[in-house]
PDB file of N, CA and C in Angstrom:
ATOM      1  N   TYR A   1     -66.415  76.007 -71.929  1.00  0.00           N
ATOM      2  CA  TYR A   1     -67.418  75.177 -71.177  1.00  0.00           C
ATOM      3  C   TYR A   1     -68.635  75.936 -71.863  1.00  0.00           C
ATOM      4  N   TYR A   2     -69.845  75.569 -72.365  1.00  0.00           N
ATOM      5  CA  TYR A   2     -70.750  76.014 -73.338  1.00  0.00           C
ATOM      6  C   TYR A   2     -71.858  76.165 -72.722  1.00  0.00           C
ATOM      7  N   ALA A   3     -73.084  77.071 -72.600  1.00  0.00           N
ATOM      8  CA  ALA A   3     -74.245  76.751 -71.917  1.00  0.00           C
ATOM      9  C   ALA A   3     -75.328  75.765 -72.749  1.00  0.00           C
ATOM     10  N   THR A   4     -75.464  74.531 -72.251  1.00  0.00           N
ATOM     11  CA  THR A   4     -75.981  73.855 -73.528  1.00  0.00           C
ATOM     12  C   THR A   4     -77.308  73.655 -72.420  1.00  0.00           C
ATOM     13  N   SER A   5     -78.620  73.245 -73.173  1.00  0.00           N
ATOM     14  CA  SER A   5     -79.920  72.802 -72.096  1.00  0.00           C
ATOM     15  C   SER A   5     -80.252  71.449 -72.915  1.00  0.00           C
ATOM     16  N   ASN A   6     -80.739  70.633 -72.106  1.00  0.00           N
ATOM     17  CA  ASN A   6     -81.458  69.134 -72.607  1.00  0.00           C
ATOM     18  C   ASN A   6     -83.202  69.466 -72.948  1.00  0.00           C
ATOM     19  N   THR A   7     -83.270  70.671 -72.974  1.00  0.00           N
ATOM     20  CA  THR A   7     -84.880  70.630 -73.123  1.00  0.00           C
ATOM     21  C   THR A   7     -84.987  71.499 -74.512  1.00  0.00           C
ATOM     22  N   LEU A   8     -86.164  71.163 -75.206  1.00  0.00           N
ATOM     23  CA  LEU A   8     -86.316  71.912 -75.986  1.00  0.00           C
ATOM     24  C   LEU A   8     -86.597  72.961 -76.126  1.00  0.00           C
ATOM     25  N   ALA A   9     -86.061  73.970 -76.954  1.00  0.00           N
ATOM     26  CA  ALA A   9     -86.303  75.890 -76.811  1.00  0.00           C
ATOM     27  C   ALA A   9     -87.673  75.694 -76.530  1.00  0.00           C
ATOM     28  N   GLY A  10     -88.486  76.698 -75.936  1.00  0.00           N
ATOM     29  CA  GLY A  10     -89.444  77.339 -75.179  1.00  0.00           C
ATOM     30  C   GLY A  10     -90.418  76.247 -74.453  1.00  0.00           C
ATOM     31  N   THR A  11     -89.739  75.028 -74.197  1.00  0.00           N
ATOM     32  CA  THR A  11     -90.317  74.569 -72.916  1.00  0.00           C
ATOM     33  C   THR A  11     -89.799  74.503 -71.979  1.00  0.00           C
ATOM     34  N   ILE A  12     -90.374  73.899 -70.377  1.00  0.00           N
ATOM     35  CA  ILE A  12     -89.469  74.548 -69.248  1.00  0.00           C
ATOM     36  C   ILE A  12     -89.578  73.267 -69.001  1.00  0.00           C
ATOM     37  N   SER A  13     -88.433  72.187 -68.069  1.00  0.00           N
ATOM     38  CA  SER A  13     -88.244  71.032 -67.455  1.00  0.00           C
ATOM     39  C   SER A  13     -89.205  71.315 -66.092  1.00  0.00           C
ATOM     40  N   THR A  14     -89.694  70.297 -65.938  1.00  0.00           N
ATOM     41  CA  THR A  14     -90.279  70.526 -64.659  1.00  0.00           C
ATOM     42  C   THR A  14     -89.238  70.504 -63.357  1.00  0.00           C
ATOM     43  N   SER A  15     -88.826  69.387 -63.612  1.00  0.00           N
ATOM     44  CA  SER A  15     -87.484  69.246 -62.418  1.00  0.00           C
ATOM     45  C   SER A  15     -86.575  70.200 -62.170  1.00  0.00           C
ATOM     46  N   SER A  16     -86.491  70.678 -62.996  1.00  0.00           N
ATOM     47  CA  SER A  16     -85.095  71.966 -62.819  1.00  0.00           C
ATOM     48  C   SER A  16     -85.582  73.034 -62.724  1.00  0.00           C
ATOM     49  N   ARG A  17     -86.946  73.766 -63.175  1.00  0.00           N
ATOM     50  CA  ARG A  17     -87.811  74.917 -62.763  1.00  0.00           C
ATOM     51  C   ARG A  17     -87.746  75.664 -60.891  1.00  0.00           C
ATOM     52  N   LYS A  18     -87.994  76.357 -60.884  1.00  0.00           N
ATOM     53  CA  LYS A  18     -88.244  76.902 -59.967  1.00  0.00           C
ATOM     54  C   LYS A  18     -89.872  77.021 -59.514  1.00  0.00           C
ATOM     55  N   GLN A  19     -89.876  76.706 -58.037  1.00  0.00           N
ATOM     56  CA  GLN A  19     -91.452  76.676 -57.854  1.00  0.00           C
ATOM     57  C   GLN A  19     -92.012  77.805 -57.500  1.00  0.00           C
ATOM     58  N   VAL A  20     -93.772  77.790 -58.482  1.00  0.00           N
ATOM     59  CA  VAL A  20     -94.274  78.766 -58.640  1.00  0.00           C
ATOM     60  C   VAL A  20     -94.773  79.891 -57.381  1.00  0.00           C
ATOM     61  N   THR A  21     -94.705  80.643 -57.078  1.00  0.00           N
ATOM     62  CA  THR A  21     -95.079  81.327 -56.083  1.00  0.00           C
ATOM     63  C   THR A  21     -95.854  82.517 -56.392  1.00  0.00           C
ATOM     64  N   VAL A  22     -96.907  83.809 -55.369  1.00  0.00           N
ATOM     65  CA  VAL A  22     -97.596  84.537 -55.601  1.00  0.00           C
ATOM     66  C   VAL A  22     -96.775  85.703 -56.036  1.00  0.00           C
ATOM     67  N   GLY A  23     -95.786  85.484 -55.580  1.00  0.00           N
ATOM     68  CA  GLY A  23     -94.420  86.639 -55.842  1.00  0.00           C
ATOM     69  C   GLY A  23     -93.576  86.602 -56.813  1.00  0.00           C
ATOM     70  N   ASN A  24     -93.718  84.747 -57.365  1.00  0.00           N
ATOM     71  CA  ASN A  24     -92.451  85.114 -58.544  1.00  0.00           C
ATOM     72  C   ASN A  24     -92.842  84.658 -59.597  1.00  0.00           C
ATOM     73  N   ASP A  25     -94.482  84.151 -60.229  1.00  0.00           N
ATOM     74  CA  ASP A  25     -95.132  83.730 -61.216  1.00  0.00           C
ATOM     75  C   ASP A  25     -94.895  84.769 -62.513  1.00  0.00           C
ATOM     76  N   ASP A  26     -94.232  84.567 -63.265  1.00  0.00           N
ATOM     77  CA  ASP A  26     -94.819  85.039 -64.500  1.00  0.00           C
ATOM     78  C   ASP A  26     -95.407  84.524 -65.461  1.00  0.00           C
ATOM     79  N   GLY A  27     -95.633  83.767 -65.647  1.00  0.00           N
ATOM     80  CA  GLY A  27     -96.840  83.006 -66.284  1.00  0.00           C
ATOM     81  C   GLY A  27     -96.357  81.774 -67.705  1.00  0.00           C
ATOM     82  N   ARG A  28     -94.819  81.898 -67.330  1.00  0.00           N
ATOM     83  CA  ARG A  28     -94.219  81.201 -68.301  1.00  0.00           C
ATOM     84  C   ARG A  28     -94.293  79.271 -68.386  1.00  0.00           C
ATOM     85  N   VAL A  29     -94.605  79.164 -67.423  1.00  0.00           N
ATOM     86  CA  VAL A  29     -95.074  77.782 -67.141  1.00  0.00           C
ATOM     87  C   VAL A  29     -96.375  77.279 -67.057  1.00  0.00           C
ATOM     88  N   PRO A  30     -96.829  76.243 -68.656  1.00  0.00           N
ATOM     89  CA  PRO A  30     -97.827  76.067 -68.600  1.00  0.00           C
ATOM     90  C   PRO A  30     -99.197  75.912 -67.432  1.00  0.00           C
ATOM     91  N   TRP A  31    -100.142  75.483 -67.487  1.00  0.00           N
ATOM     92  CA  TRP A  31    -100.763  75.666 -66.119  1.00  0.00           C
ATOM     93  C   TRP A  31    -100.919  74.042 -65.969  1.00  0.00           C
ATOM     94  N   GLY A  32    -100.929  73.202 -66.998  1.00  0.00           N
ATOM     95  CA  GLY A  32    -100.955  71.622 -66.657  1.00  0.00           C
ATOM     96  C   GLY A  32     -99.590  71.021 -66.016  1.00  0.00           C
ATOM     97  N   GLN A  33     -98.780  71.775 -66.111  1.00  0.00           N
ATOM     98  CA  GLN A  33     -97.475  71.612 -65.348  1.00  0.00           C
ATOM     99  C   GLN A  33     -97.511  72.127 -63.755  1.00  0.00           C
ATOM    100  N   LEU A  34     -98.602  73.123 -63.605  1.00  0.00           N
ATOM    101  CA  LEU A  34     -98.217  73.457 -62.432  1.00  0.00           C
ATOM    102  C   LEU A  34     -98.645  72.403 -60.861  1.00  0.00           C
ATOM    103  N   SER A  35     -98.728  72.686 -59.829  1.00  0.00           N
ATOM    104  CA  SER A  35     -98.705  71.731 -59.014  1.00  0.00           C
ATOM    105  C   SER A  35    -100.038  72.284 -57.987  1.00  0.00           C
ATOM    106  N   ALA A  36    -100.785  71.696 -57.543  1.00  0.00           N
ATOM    107  CA  ALA A  36    -102.043  72.464 -56.702  1.00  0.00           C
ATOM    108  C   ALA A  36    -101.666  73.304 -55.779  1.00  0.00           C
ATOM    109  N   GLY A  37    -100.267  73.793 -55.096  1.00  0.00           N
ATOM    110  CA  GLY A  37    -100.091  74.528 -54.568  1.00  0.00           C
ATOM    111  C   GLY A  37    -100.015  75.967 -55.485  1.00  0.00           C
ATOM    112  N   GLU A  38     -99.517  75.556 -56.386  1.00  0.00           N
ATOM    113  CA  GLU A  38     -98.269  76.189 -57.682  1.00  0.00           C
ATOM    114  C   GLU A  38    -100.002  76.974 -58.253  1.00  0.00           C
ATOM    115  N   LYS A  39    -100.607  76.031 -58.649  1.00  0.00           N
ATOM    116  CA  LYS A  39    -101.997  76.806 -59.242  1.00  0.00           C
ATOM    117  C   LYS A  39    -103.151  77.567 -58.297  1.00  0.00           C
ATOM    118  N   ALA A  40    -102.948  77.420 -56.799  1.00  0.00           N
ATOM    119  CA  ALA A  40    -103.707  77.995 -55.859  1.00  0.00           C
ATOM    120  C   ALA A  40    -102.932  79.539 -56.029  1.00  0.00           C
ATOM    121  N   ALA A  41    -101.488  79.274 -56.059  1.00  0.00           N
ATOM    122  CA  ALA A  41    -100.855  80.694 -55.870  1.00  0.00           C
ATOM    123  C   ALA A  41    -100.972  81.636 -57.084  1.00  0.00           C
ATOM    124  N   ARG A  42    -101.165  80.502 -58.360  1.00  0.00           N
ATOM    125  CA  ARG A  42    -101.441  81.745 -59.459  1.00  0.00           C
ATOM    126  C   ARG A  42    -102.473  82.016 -59.752  1.00  0.00           C
ATOM    127  N   THR A  43    -103.688  81.143 -59.378  1.00  0.00           N
ATOM    128  CA  THR A  43    -104.892  82.104 -58.858  1.00  0.00           C
ATOM    129  C   THR A  43    -105.252  83.034 -58.023  1.00  0.00           C
ATOM    130  N   THR A  44    -104.517  82.804 -57.054  1.00  0.00           N
ATOM    131  CA  THR A  44    -104.467  84.399 -55.949  1.00  0.00           C
ATOM    132  C   THR A  44    -104.031  85.471 -56.632  1.00  0.00           C
ATOM    133  N   GLN A  45    -102.638  85.172 -57.633  1.00  0.00           N
ATOM    134  CA  GLN A  45    -101.979  86.345 -58.032  1.00  0.00           C
ATOM    135  C   GLN A  45    -102.692  86.761 -59.373  1.00  0.00           C
ATOM    136  N   GLN A  46    -103.633  86.123 -59.755  1.00  0.00           N
ATOM    137  CA  GLN A  46    -104.324  86.514 -61.077  1.00  0.00           C
ATOM    138  C   GLN A  46    -105.714  87.368 -60.474  1.00  0.00           C
ATOM    139  N   THR A  47    -106.485  86.960 -59.552  1.00  0.00           N
ATOM    140  CA  THR A  47    -107.174  87.481 -58.859  1.00  0.00           C
ATOM    141  C   THR A  47    -107.506  88.584 -57.983  1.00  0.00           C
ATOM    142  N   PHE A  48    -106.115  88.804 -57.656  1.00  0.00           N
ATOM    143  CA  PHE A  48    -105.515  90.179 -57.056  1.00  0.00           C
ATOM    144  C   PHE A  48    -105.562  91.392 -58.089  1.00  0.00           C
ATOM    145  N   ASN A  49    -104.874  90.633 -58.863  1.00  0.00           N
ATOM    146  CA  ASN A  49    -104.320  91.681 -60.068  1.00  0.00           C
ATOM    147  C   ASN A  49    -106.154  91.764 -60.803  1.00  0.00           C
ATOM    148  N   PHE A  50    -106.963  90.963 -61.140  1.00  0.00           N
ATOM    149  CA  PHE A  50    -108.111  91.690 -61.742  1.00  0.00           C
ATOM    150  C   PHE A  50    -109.035  92.562 -60.605  1.00  0.00           C
ATOM    151  N   GLY A  51    -108.353  91.984 -59.328  1.00  0.00           N
ATOM    152  CA  GLY A  51    -109.516  93.498 -58.291  1.00  0.00           C
ATOM    153  C   GLY A  51    -108.719  94.838 -58.433  1.00  0.00           C
ATOM    154  N   VAL A  52    -107.789  94.872 -58.204  1.00  0.00           N
ATOM    155  CA  VAL A  52    -106.803  96.070 -58.725  1.00  0.00           C
ATOM    156  C   VAL A  52    -107.311  96.739 -59.729  1.00  0.00           C
ATOM    157  N   ILE A  53    -107.804  96.001 -61.023  1.00  0.00           N
ATOM    158  CA  ILE A  53    -108.024  97.012 -61.916  1.00  0.00           C
ATOM    159  C   ILE A  53    -109.380  97.225 -62.334  1.00  0.00           C
ATOM    160  N   LEU A  54    -110.261  96.029 -61.314  1.00  0.00           N
ATOM    161  CA  LEU A  54    -111.702  96.538 -61.264  1.00  0.00           C
ATOM    162  C   LEU A  54    -111.721  97.762 -60.096  1.00  0.00           C
ATOM    163  N   ALA A  55    -110.998  97.680 -58.708  1.00  0.00           N
ATOM    164  CA  ALA A  55    -111.154  98.705 -58.289  1.00  0.00           C
ATOM    165  C   ALA A  55    -110.929 100.587 -58.740  1.00  0.00           C
ATOM    166  N   GLY A  56    -109.869 100.123 -59.830  1.00  0.00           N
ATOM    167  CA  GLY A  56    -109.391 101.418 -60.558  1.00  0.00           C
ATOM    168  C   GLY A  56    -110.631 101.577 -61.475  1.00  0.00           C
ATOM    169  N   ALA A  57    -111.237 100.564 -62.054  1.00  0.00           N
ATOM    170  CA  ALA A  57    -112.359 100.871 -63.137  1.00  0.00           C
ATOM    171  C   ALA A  57    -113.350 101.466 -62.664  1.00  0.00           C
ATOM    172  N   LEU A  58    -113.808 101.309 -61.091  1.00  0.00           N
ATOM    173  CA  LEU A  58    -115.111 101.756 -60.476  1.00  0.00           C
ATOM    174  C   LEU A  58    -114.056 102.889 -60.070  1.00  0.00           C
ATOM    175  N   GLY A  59    -113.489 103.280 -59.205  1.00  0.00           N
ATOM    176  CA  GLY A  59    -112.906 104.603 -59.022  1.00  0.00           C
ATOM    177  C   GLY A  59    -113.313 105.389 -60.131  1.00  0.00           C
ATOM    178  N   LEU A  60    -112.343 105.025 -61.634  1.00  0.00           N
ATOM    179  CA  LEU A  60    -112.723 106.017 -62.721  1.00  0.00           C
ATOM    180  C   LEU A  60    -114.117 106.637 -62.910  1.00  0.00           C
ATOM    181  N   ALA A  61    -115.138 105.216 -63.090  1.00  0.00           N
ATOM    182  CA  ALA A  61    -116.410 105.569 -62.940  1.00  0.00           C
ATOM    183  C   ALA A  61    -117.115 106.532 -62.382  1.00  0.00           C
ATOM    184  N   ALA A  62    -116.792 106.683 -60.816  1.00  0.00           N
ATOM    185  CA  ALA A  62    -117.106 107.179 -59.678  1.00  0.00           C
ATOM    186  C   ALA A  62    -116.771 108.663 -59.782  1.00  0.00           C
ATOM    187  N   VAL A  63    -115.583 108.696 -60.684  1.00  0.00           N
ATOM    188  CA  VAL A  63    -115.130 110.161 -60.591  1.00  0.00           C
ATOM    189  C   VAL A  63    -115.722 110.860 -61.773  1.00  0.00           C
ATOM    190  N   SER A  64    -115.907 110.082 -62.816  1.00  0.00           N
ATOM    191  CA  SER A  64    -116.454 110.612 -63.859  1.00  0.00           C
ATOM    192  C   SER A  64    -118.014 110.829 -63.723  1.00  0.00           C
ATOM    193  N   TYR A  65    -119.000 110.210 -62.910  1.00  0.00           N
ATOM    194  CA  TYR A  65    -119.914 110.539 -62.744  1.00  0.00           C
ATOM    195  C   TYR A  65    -120.645 111.625 -61.729  1.00  0.00           C
ATOM    196  N   TYR A  66    -119.443 111.928 -60.834  1.00  0.00           N
ATOM    197  CA  TYR A  66    -119.635 112.577 -60.185  1.00  0.00           C
ATOM    198  C   TYR A  66    -118.856 113.940 -60.874  1.00  0.00           C
ATOM    199  N   LEU A  67    -118.418 114.460 -61.478  1.00  0.00           N
ATOM    200  CA  LEU A  67    -117.758 115.145 -62.556  1.00  0.00           C
ATOM    201  C   LEU A  67    -118.817 115.769 -63.397  1.00  0.00           C
ATOM    202  N   TYR A  68    -119.329 114.492 -63.812  1.00  0.00           N
ATOM    203  CA  TYR A  68    -120.603 114.994 -64.871  1.00  0.00           C
ATOM    204  C   TYR A  68    -121.761 115.282 -64.009  1.00  0.00           C
ATOM    205  N   ILE A  69    -121.990 114.941 -62.812  1.00  0.00           N
ATOM    206  CA  ILE A  69    -123.142 115.833 -62.581  1.00  0.00           C
ATOM    207  C   ILE A  69    -123.251 117.071 -61.334  1.00  0.00           C
ATOM    208  N   ASP A  70    -121.737 116.994 -61.104  1.00  0.00           N
ATOM    209  CA  ASP A  70    -121.764 118.699 -60.822  1.00  0.00           C
ATOM    210  C   ASP A  70    -120.810 119.903 -61.464  1.00  0.00           C
ATOM    211  N   VAL A  71    -120.548 119.274 -62.846  1.00  0.00           N
ATOM    212  CA  VAL A  71    -120.072 120.040 -63.303  1.00  0.00           C
ATOM    213  C   VAL A  71    -120.705 120.084 -64.854  1.00  0.00           C
ATOM    214  N   PHE A  72    -121.105 119.259 -65.839  1.00  0.00           N
ATOM    215  CA  PHE A  72    -121.192 119.399 -66.830  1.00  0.00           C
ATOM    216  C   PHE A  72    -122.664 119.202 -66.838  1.00  0.00           C
ATOM    217  N   SER A  73    -123.570 118.494 -66.033  1.00  0.00           N
ATOM    218  CA  SER A  73    -125.006 118.206 -66.247  1.00  0.00           C
ATOM    219  C   SER A  73    -125.788 119.527 -66.385  1.00  0.00           C
ATOM    220  N   SER A  74    -127.099 119.149 -67.881  1.00  0.00           N
ATOM    221  CA  SER A  74    -127.690 120.449 -67.851  1.00  0.00           C
ATOM    222  C   SER A  74    -128.034 121.362 -66.273  1.00  0.00           C
ATOM    223  N   ASP A  75    -128.291 119.812 -64.814  1.00  0.00           N
ATOM    224  CA  ASP A  75    -129.272 120.787 -63.984  1.00  0.00           C
ATOM    225  C   ASP A  75    -127.951 120.925 -62.611  1.00  0.00           C
ATOM    226  N   SER A  76    -126.449 121.128 -63.448  1.00  0.00           N
ATOM    227  CA  SER A  76    -125.545 121.211 -62.351  1.00  0.00           C
ATOM    228  C   SER A  76    -125.808 122.283 -61.674  1.00  0.00           C
ATOM    229  N   LYS A  77    -124.933 122.940 -60.295  1.00  0.00           N
ATOM    230  CA  LYS A  77    -125.398 124.446 -59.812  1.00  0.00           C
ATOM    231  C   LYS A  77    -124.088 125.279 -60.413  1.00  0.00           C
ATOM    232  N   THR A  78    -122.955 124.542 -61.476  1.00  0.00           N
ATOM    233  CA  THR A  78    -122.281 125.191 -62.379  1.00  0.00           C
ATOM    234  C   THR A  78    -123.017 125.601 -63.468  1.00  0.00           C
ATOM    235  N   ARG A  79    -123.771 124.932 -64.192  1.00  0.00           N
ATOM    236  CA  ARG A  79    -124.769 125.593 -64.971  1.00  0.00           C
ATOM    237  C   ARG A  79    -125.788 126.310 -64.775  1.00  0.00           C
ATOM    238  N   HIS A  80    -126.047 126.378 -63.376  1.00  0.00           N
ATOM    239  CA  HIS A  80    -127.241 126.956 -63.065  1.00  0.00           C
ATOM    240  C   HIS A  80    -126.250 128.817 -62.740  1.00  0.00           C
ATOM    241  N   PHE A  81    -125.742 128.460 -62.122  1.00  0.00           N
ATOM    242  CA  PHE A  81    -124.514 130.122 -61.935  1.00  0.00           C
ATOM    243  C   PHE A  81    -124.475 130.823 -62.954  1.00  0.00           C
ATOM    244  N   ASN A  82    -123.904 129.909 -64.453  1.00  0.00           N
ATOM    245  CA  ASN A  82    -123.671 130.517 -65.516  1.00  0.00           C
ATOM    246  C   ASN A  82    -124.667 131.002 -66.257  1.00  0.00           C
ATOM    247  N   ARG A  83    -125.889 130.391 -66.193  1.00  0.00           N
ATOM    248  CA  ARG A  83    -127.322 130.626 -66.792  1.00  0.00           C
ATOM    249  C   ARG A  83    -127.165 132.174 -66.300  1.00  0.00           C
ATOM    250  N   ALA A  84    -127.321 132.078 -64.702  1.00  0.00           N
ATOM    251  CA  ALA A  84    -127.696 133.368 -64.316  1.00  0.00           C
ATOM    252  C   ALA A  84    -126.740 134.645 -64.420  1.00  0.00           C
ATOM    253  N   VAL A  85    -125.387 133.782 -64.528  1.00  0.00           N
ATOM    254  CA  VAL A  85    -124.971 135.264 -64.878  1.00  0.00           C
ATOM    255  C   VAL A  85    -125.008 135.704 -66.509  1.00  0.00           C
ATOM    256  N   ASP A  86    -125.359 135.034 -67.393  1.00  0.00           N
ATOM    257  CA  ASP A  86    -125.073 135.238 -68.762  1.00  0.00           C
ATOM    258  C   ASP A  86    -126.544 136.153 -68.771  1.00  0.00           C
ATOM    259  N   ARG A  87    -127.886 135.427 -67.874  1.00  0.00           N
ATOM    260  CA  ARG A  87    -128.846 136.674 -68.334  1.00  0.00           C
ATOM    261  C   ARG A  87    -128.751 137.604 -67.546  1.00  0.00           C
ATOM    262  N   ILE A  88    -128.168 137.977 -66.625  1.00  0.00           N
ATOM    263  CA  ILE A  88    -127.759 139.274 -65.851  1.00  0.00           C
ATOM    264  C   ILE A  88    -127.085 139.922 -67.098  1.00  0.00           C
ATOM    265  N   ARG A  89    -126.064 139.452 -67.663  1.00  0.00           N
ATOM    266  CA  ARG A  89    -125.181 140.300 -68.602  1.00  0.00           C
ATOM    267  C   ARG A  89    -125.925 140.809 -69.750  1.00  0.00           C
ATOM    268  N   ALA A  90    -127.137 139.967 -70.253  1.00  0.00           N
ATOM    269  CA  ALA A  90    -127.911 140.539 -71.412  1.00  0.00           C
ATOM    270  C   ALA A  90    -129.656 141.197 -70.877  1.00  0.00           C
ATOM    271  N   ASP A  91    -129.581 141.257 -69.651  1.00  0.00           N
ATOM    272  CA  ASP A  91    -130.614 142.015 -69.323  1.00  0.00           C
ATOM    273  C   ASP A  91    -130.007 143.661 -69.066  1.00  0.00           C
ATOM    274  N   PRO A  92    -130.650 144.369 -70.274  1.00  0.00           N
ATOM    275  CA  PRO A  92    -130.665 146.147 -70.452  1.00  0.00           C
ATOM    276  C   PRO A  92    -130.848 146.377 -68.568  1.00  0.00           C
ATOM    277  N   ARG A  93    -131.517 146.328 -68.112  1.00  0.00           N
ATOM    278  CA  ARG A  93    -131.790 146.885 -66.918  1.00  0.00           C
ATOM    279  C   ARG A  93    -130.678 147.124 -65.972  1.00  0.00           C
ATOM    280  N   ALA A  94    -129.662 145.439 -66.094  1.00  0.00           N
ATOM    281  CA  ALA A  94    -128.939 145.132 -65.097  1.00  0.00           C
ATOM    282  C   ALA A  94    -127.259 146.040 -65.647  1.00  0.00           C
ATOM    283  N   LEU A  95    -127.992 146.069 -67.012  1.00  0.00           N
ATOM    284  CA  LEU A  95    -126.793 146.930 -67.788  1.00  0.00           C
ATOM    285  C   LEU A  95    -126.316 148.438 -67.457  1.00  0.00           C
ATOM    286  N   ASP A  96    -127.608 148.640 -67.249  1.00  0.00           N
ATOM    287  CA  ASP A  96    -127.861 150.309 -66.698  1.00  0.00           C
ATOM    288  C   ASP A  96    -127.421 150.480 -65.586  1.00  0.00           C
ATOM    289  N   LEU A  97    -127.682 149.701 -64.237  1.00  0.00           N
ATOM    290  CA  LEU A  97    -126.948 149.866 -63.413  1.00  0.00           C
ATOM    291  C   LEU A  97    -125.612 149.118 -63.223  1.00  0.00           C
ATOM    292  N   LEU A  98    -125.199 148.671 -64.286  1.00  0.00           N
ATOM    293  CA  LEU A  98    -123.829 147.974 -63.681  1.00  0.00           C
ATOM    294  C   LEU A  98    -122.749 148.254 -64.728  1.00  0.00           C
ATOM    295  N   GLY A  99    -123.093 148.476 -65.502  1.00  0.00           N
ATOM    296  CA  GLY A  99    -122.443 149.251 -66.758  1.00  0.00           C
ATOM    297  C   GLY A  99    -122.281 147.987 -67.522  1.00  0.00           C
ATOM    298  N   SER A 100    -121.052 147.849 -68.407  1.00  0.00           N
ATOM    299  CA  SER A 100    -121.097 147.074 -69.506  1.00  0.00           C
ATOM    300  C   SER A 100    -121.012 145.681 -69.386  1.00  0.00           C
ATOM    301  N   GLY A 101    -121.273 144.374 -70.185  1.00  0.00           N
ATOM    302  CA  GLY A 101    -121.535 142.957 -70.019  1.00  0.00           C
ATOM    303  C   GLY A 101    -120.508 142.440 -69.664  1.00  0.00           C
ATOM    304  N   GLN A 102    -118.986 143.137 -70.371  1.00  0.00           N
ATOM    305  CA  GLN A 102    -117.859 142.855 -69.933  1.00  0.00           C
ATOM    306  C   GLN A 102    -117.073 143.360 -68.971  1.00  0.00           C
ATOM    307  N   THR A 103    -117.553 144.018 -68.357  1.00  0.00           N
ATOM    308  CA  THR A 103    -116.885 144.374 -66.721  1.00  0.00           C
ATOM    309  C   THR A 103    -117.643 143.710 -66.041  1.00  0.00           C
ATOM    310  N   ILE A 104    -118.779 143.111 -66.351  1.00  0.00           N
ATOM    311  CA  ILE A 104    -119.417 141.998 -64.734  1.00  0.00           C
ATOM    312  C   ILE A 104    -118.531 141.124 -64.659  1.00  0.00           C
ATOM    313  N   SER A 105    -118.202 141.019 -63.122  1.00  0.00           N
ATOM    314  CA  SER A 105    -117.544 139.566 -62.857  1.00  0.00           C
ATOM    315  C   SER A 105    -118.145 139.017 -61.825  1.00  0.00           C
ATOM    316  N   ALA A 106    -118.330 137.615 -62.126  1.00  0.00           N
ATOM    317  CA  ALA A 106    -119.089 136.952 -60.773  1.00  0.00           C
ATOM    318  C   ALA A 106    -118.528 135.898 -60.489  1.00  0.00           C
ATOM    319  N   PHE A 107    -118.209 135.502 -59.296  1.00  0.00           N
ATOM    320  CA  PHE A 107    -117.008 135.024 -58.536  1.00  0.00           C
ATOM    321  C   PHE A 107    -117.652 133.675 -57.675  1.00  0.00           C
ATOM    322  N   GLY A 108    -119.242 133.808 -57.353  1.00  0.00           N
ATOM    323  CA  GLY A 108    -119.472 132.894 -57.074  1.00  0.00           C
ATOM    324  C   GLY A 108    -119.661 133.138 -55.442  1.00  0.00           C
ATOM    325  N   GLU A 109    -119.698 131.767 -54.726  1.00  0.00           N
ATOM    326  CA  GLU A 109    -119.761 131.767 -53.151  1.00  0.00           C
ATOM    327  C   GLU A 109    -118.163 132.265 -52.535  1.00  0.00           C
ATOM    328  N   PRO A 110    -118.219 132.826 -51.564  1.00  0.00           N
ATOM    329  CA  PRO A 110    -117.382 132.904 -50.635  1.00  0.00           C
ATOM    330  C   PRO A 110    -116.579 132.282 -50.223  1.00  0.00           C
ATOM    331  N   THR A 111    -114.962 131.444 -50.694  1.00  0.00           N
ATOM    332  CA  THR A 111    -114.446 130.236 -49.760  1.00  0.00           C
ATOM    333  C   THR A 111    -113.345 130.846 -49.567  1.00  0.00           C
ATOM    334  N   ALA A 112    -112.627 129.439 -48.460  1.00  0.00           N
ATOM    335  CA  ALA A 112    -111.525 129.591 -47.592  1.00  0.00           C
ATOM    336  C   ALA A 112    -110.107 129.349 -49.021  1.00  0.00           C
ATOM    337  N   SER A 113    -110.870 128.382 -49.753  1.00  0.00           N
ATOM    338  CA  SER A 113    -109.224 127.987 -50.988  1.00  0.00           C
ATOM    339  C   SER A 113    -109.323 129.303 -51.916  1.00  0.00           C
ATOM    340  N   LYS A 114    -107.986 129.174 -51.844  1.00  0.00           N
ATOM    341  CA  LYS A 114    -107.234 130.452 -52.329  1.00  0.00           C
ATOM    342  C   LYS A 114    -107.523 130.135 -54.288  1.00  0.00           C
ATOM    343  N   TRP A 115    -107.713 128.859 -54.635  1.00  0.00           N
ATOM    344  CA  TRP A 115    -107.744 128.283 -55.627  1.00  0.00           C
ATOM    345  C   TRP A 115    -108.823 128.961 -56.470  1.00  0.00           C
ATOM    346  N   SER A 116    -109.899 128.598 -55.351  1.00  0.00           N
ATOM    347  CA  SER A 116    -111.184 128.650 -55.955  1.00  0.00           C
ATOM    348  C   SER A 116    -111.202 130.051 -55.694  1.00  0.00           C
ATOM    349  N   ARG A 117    -111.106 130.991 -54.884  1.00  0.00           N
ATOM    350  CA  ARG A 117    -111.548 132.187 -54.640  1.00  0.00           C
ATOM    351  C   ARG A 117    -110.741 132.587 -55.707  1.00  0.00           C
ATOM    352  N   ASN A 118    -109.852 132.850 -56.233  1.00  0.00           N
ATOM    353  CA  ASN A 118    -108.708 133.900 -57.442  1.00  0.00           C
ATOM    354  C   ASN A 118    -109.453 133.221 -58.462  1.00  0.00           C
ATOM    355  N   ARG A 119    -110.275 132.362 -59.152  1.00  0.00           N
ATOM    356  CA  ARG A 119    -110.805 131.648 -60.502  1.00  0.00           C
ATOM    357  C   ARG A 119    -112.604 132.409 -60.304  1.00  0.00           C
ATOM    358  N   PRO A 120    -112.452 133.262 -61.383  1.00  0.00           N
ATOM    359  CA  PRO A 120    -113.966 133.497 -61.587  1.00  0.00           C
ATOM    360  C   PRO A 120    -114.525 132.243 -62.192  1.00  0.00           C
ATOM    361  N   ILE A 121    -115.593 131.806 -62.314  1.00  0.00           N
ATOM    362  CA  ILE A 121    -116.859 130.689 -62.878  1.00  0.00           C
ATOM    363  C   ILE A 121    -117.233 131.261 -64.054  1.00  0.00           C
ATOM    364  N   ALA A 122    -117.475 131.869 -64.374  1.00  0.00           N
ATOM    365  CA  ALA A 122    -118.093 132.970 -65.779  1.00  0.00           C
ATOM    366  C   ALA A 122    -117.646 133.745 -66.073  1.00  0.00           C
TER     367      ALA A 122
END
């Protein structure tokens, strides 16, 4: 016995195909061959997929915005702290009191987080 098909290559017969649902639609059946219920299922699936992509893009934008505002912006707390430390290391009066600028360490505010506590910001 040989596997044969009565349809042309690349076309799908509407009588022998499985019904398209939200869970099994892979996009192979052309839009014109779908029933109203199948069109609703495909639209629901595509809308959900678009929503997931949109939510991911909005999440990425929000994280990028807050990272820029809190770390990289010229007005961020981190930049102010680093500028203050640089000014202290460059001030001759501070160097007379504290020693070489290379030995001056700045750790910021005390925190309960071991990760934050054990790394110097400047």
